[in-house]
Amino acid sequence: MDLKLSDQRFIICGASSGFGEAIARQLLQEGANVVLIARRGEVLRDKFSHFKEQTEIIEGSLIYSETLDKIEKSVKAEQTHGIVFNAGGPPTGTPLETNMDDWDSAWKLVMRWKIDLALRLAPYFKEKGYGRMVFIESQSVKQPLPSLTLSNSFRAGVVGFVKTLALEIAKSRVTANVLAPGSHETPAIERVIQKNKASLNISFEEAKERMEKNIPVGRMGKAEEFASLAAWLLSPHAGYVTGQTISHDGGSIKGLFG
């Protein structure tokens, strides 16, 4: 299928590894131009050296307004067709293992910057009469995961925001959706495996095997598989899909609406 992304322009947050990197690569292979966002610009320059003519780099942390200012300026300077909201998650922990400093930090890391940036860019997309906004969250928004209290809480809040925003901007041909990934072979899953390793007093390999046995398809997902779905949501083909939370989890969600 031709995703019709050639010469379109996208902003990819958290592009230096994991889902962000995989989505950026998928878009670049489809002929799109991509603005790569990450704290370490040198990593982006190294990983995407073969795509110099199709890429731009914005270096900075997404929790700081200065970085969001740069993204907003870039979007307004050149026609942009979509953005992927993506960043690392907060530390693991049960409710009683957290304190209020943890909650304040997680709010900034998981939720605040996404709302800030979305409120800056949604009017731009509305004015242009086209746009794609994809938020990368977690399967925990449908089925809370043990020891991921901070992620469970704030990612669910992001879904509420996106659903409400999607309704407000739908008539302008601007879509907003959430992708809810389960366990994938990315650096982010290692912190969960390490938590399980410590709590169960088993090896890293055994903790990983136990996680995979609980996934109906019997394995973790690949970032490239996830990126294919994200690329479709960012494409013109997905104009009738908005306000949705779509799982990519190997069948892990048990509910009827997983």
Foldseek 3Di string as FASTA:
>chain_A
DLLPQAAAEEEQAPCLWFLSVLLVVVSVVSHAAYEYEEQDVVSVCVVCVVRVVRYHYQHDDLLDVVSLVVVLVVCVVDPHAEYEADDAAAAFAAPVVDDVVSLVVRCSGQPDSVVVSCVSCLVVLLVVLHHEYEYEAAPLLQPNDHRRVSSNPRSVVNLVVFLVVQVVRLVSLYAYEYEHEYFAPIPRCQSVLVVQCVVVVHDSVVSQQVVQVLQQVSHHHYSNVVSVVVSSSSGPVNSVDHSYYHYDYNPNRPDPVD
